[in-house]
């Protein structure tokens, strides 16, 4: 059976969720990705990817208690599941194997 792989954007989302911990909700995830990558993130694309990660069982979500700062509305909070952590580690290891033997300027370091 083929192992489920992660795309770059999915990796960024999972890493943002890890950075945020209990504060991982859509707008915060977006801010972390934009702040750390300098890349603009469309909120629609973010939620589409989060739904895909949830279908893959890499993340879970639940609604928070309503907050006064949001006019009594709840937030959808996300957490990484063990399968998501495993997929993220596999992606990191795969990239490390591909980078092995290359210098930062993308030249081979051995013959």
Protein backbone atom coordinates (compact mmCIF):
# COMPACT_ATOMS: atom_id res chain seq x y z
CA UNK A 1 0.00 0.00 0.00
CA UNK A 2 1.35 3.42 -0.96
CA UNK A 3 1.95 5.84 1.88
CA UNK A 4 -0.05 9.07 1.75
CA UNK A 5 2.26 11.95 0.89
CA UNK A 6 1.95 15.61 1.79
CA UNK A 7 2.11 18.55 -0.54
CA UNK A 8 4.16 21.60 0.39
CA UNK A 9 1.11 23.63 1.49
CA UNK A 10 -0.14 20.74 3.63
CA UNK A 11 3.27 20.57 5.29
CA UNK A 12 3.17 24.30 6.02
CA UNK A 13 -0.28 23.97 7.56
CA UNK A 14 0.72 21.06 9.79
CA UNK A 15 3.86 22.88 10.91
CA UNK A 16 1.80 25.99 11.70
CA UNK A 17 -0.59 23.88 13.79
CA UNK A 18 2.36 22.50 15.75
CA UNK A 19 3.73 26.02 16.32
CA UNK A 20 0.33 27.28 17.51
CA UNK A 21 -0.65 24.40 19.78
CA UNK A 22 -4.04 25.10 21.38
CA UNK A 23 -4.36 28.38 19.46
CA UNK A 24 -4.52 26.71 16.01
CA UNK A 25 -7.53 28.16 14.22
CA UNK A 26 -7.85 29.37 10.63
CA UNK A 27 -6.76 33.01 10.91
CA UNK A 28 -3.87 32.16 13.24
CA UNK A 29 -2.64 29.35 10.97
CA UNK A 30 -2.76 31.79 8.07
CA UNK A 31 -0.75 34.42 9.99
CA UNK A 32 1.94 31.91 10.97
CA UNK A 33 2.38 30.68 7.40
CA UNK A 34 2.45 34.21 5.98
CA UNK A 35 4.82 35.45 8.68
CA UNK A 36 7.28 32.58 8.37
CA UNK A 37 7.22 32.19 4.57
CA UNK A 38 6.38 35.66 3.25
CA UNK A 39 3.77 33.92 1.12
CA UNK A 40 0.16 35.17 0.96
CA UNK A 41 -2.43 32.57 1.88
CA UNK A 42 -6.01 32.77 0.62
CA UNK A 43 -8.34 31.83 3.46
CA UNK A 44 -10.45 29.71 1.09
CA UNK A 45 -7.39 27.71 0.01
CA UNK A 46 -6.44 27.26 3.65
CA UNK A 47 -9.83 25.86 4.66
CA UNK A 48 -9.94 23.61 1.59
CA UNK A 49 -6.56 22.15 2.57
CA UNK A 50 -7.61 21.82 6.23
CA UNK A 51 -10.71 19.88 5.16
CA UNK A 52 -8.53 17.62 3.00
CA UNK A 53 -6.16 17.02 5.94
CA UNK A 54 -9.16 16.22 8.12
CA UNK A 55 -10.48 13.69 5.56
CA UNK A 56 -7.03 12.06 5.56
CA UNK A 57 -7.28 11.99 9.39
CA UNK A 58 -4.07 14.04 9.71
CA UNK A 59 -5.86 16.75 11.70
CA UNK A 60 -8.94 16.95 13.84
CA UNK A 61 -11.07 19.95 14.66
CA UNK A 62 -13.60 21.07 17.19
CA UNK A 63 -15.51 24.24 17.87
CA UNK A 64 -14.31 26.39 20.75
CA UNK A 65 -16.59 28.03 23.25
CA UNK A 66 -18.09 31.29 21.96
CA UNK A 67 -15.93 34.32 22.74
CA UNK A 68 -16.94 37.93 23.38
CA UNK A 69 -14.12 39.17 21.14
CA UNK A 70 -15.79 37.38 18.22
CA UNK A 71 -19.27 38.71 18.97
CA UNK A 72 -20.29 35.49 20.68
CA UNK A 73 -19.10 33.26 17.84
CA UNK A 74 -17.00 30.12 18.28
CA UNK A 75 -13.74 29.29 16.50
CA UNK A 76 -12.94 26.06 14.74
CA UNK A 77 -9.72 24.88 16.38
CA UNK A 78 -7.42 22.33 14.79
CA UNK A 79 -5.03 19.79 16.24
CA UNK A 80 -2.61 17.44 14.57
CA UNK A 81 -3.37 13.76 14.96
CA UNK A 82 -0.73 11.01 15.20
CA UNK A 83 -1.18 10.13 11.52
CA UNK A 84 -0.45 13.77 10.61
CA UNK A 85 2.69 13.80 12.74
CA UNK A 86 3.85 10.57 11.10
CA UNK A 87 3.17 11.97 7.60
CA UNK A 88 5.05 15.16 8.43
CA UNK A 89 8.04 13.20 9.73
CA UNK A 90 8.04 11.04 6.57
CA UNK A 91 8.04 14.17 4.42
CA UNK A 92 10.94 15.65 6.38
CA UNK A 93 12.92 12.39 6.12
CA UNK A 94 12.23 12.09 2.38
CA UNK A 95 13.46 15.63 1.75
CA UNK A 96 16.54 15.03 3.92
CA UNK A 97 17.40 11.95 1.83
CA UNK A 98 16.99 13.98 -1.37
CA UNK A 99 19.20 16.81 -0.03
CA UNK A 100 21.87 14.41 1.19
CA UNK A 101 25.01 14.80 -0.91
CA UNK A 102 24.09 18.27 -2.20
CA UNK A 103 25.53 21.57 -1.10
CA UNK A 104 23.25 24.58 -0.53
CA UNK A 105 24.08 25.87 -4.01
CA UNK A 106 22.71 22.57 -5.40
CA UNK A 107 26.03 21.11 -6.48
CA UNK A 108 26.92 17.57 -5.78
CA UNK A 109 29.29 17.23 -2.86
CA UNK A 110 30.64 13.88 -3.95
CA UNK A 111 31.20 12.01 -7.16
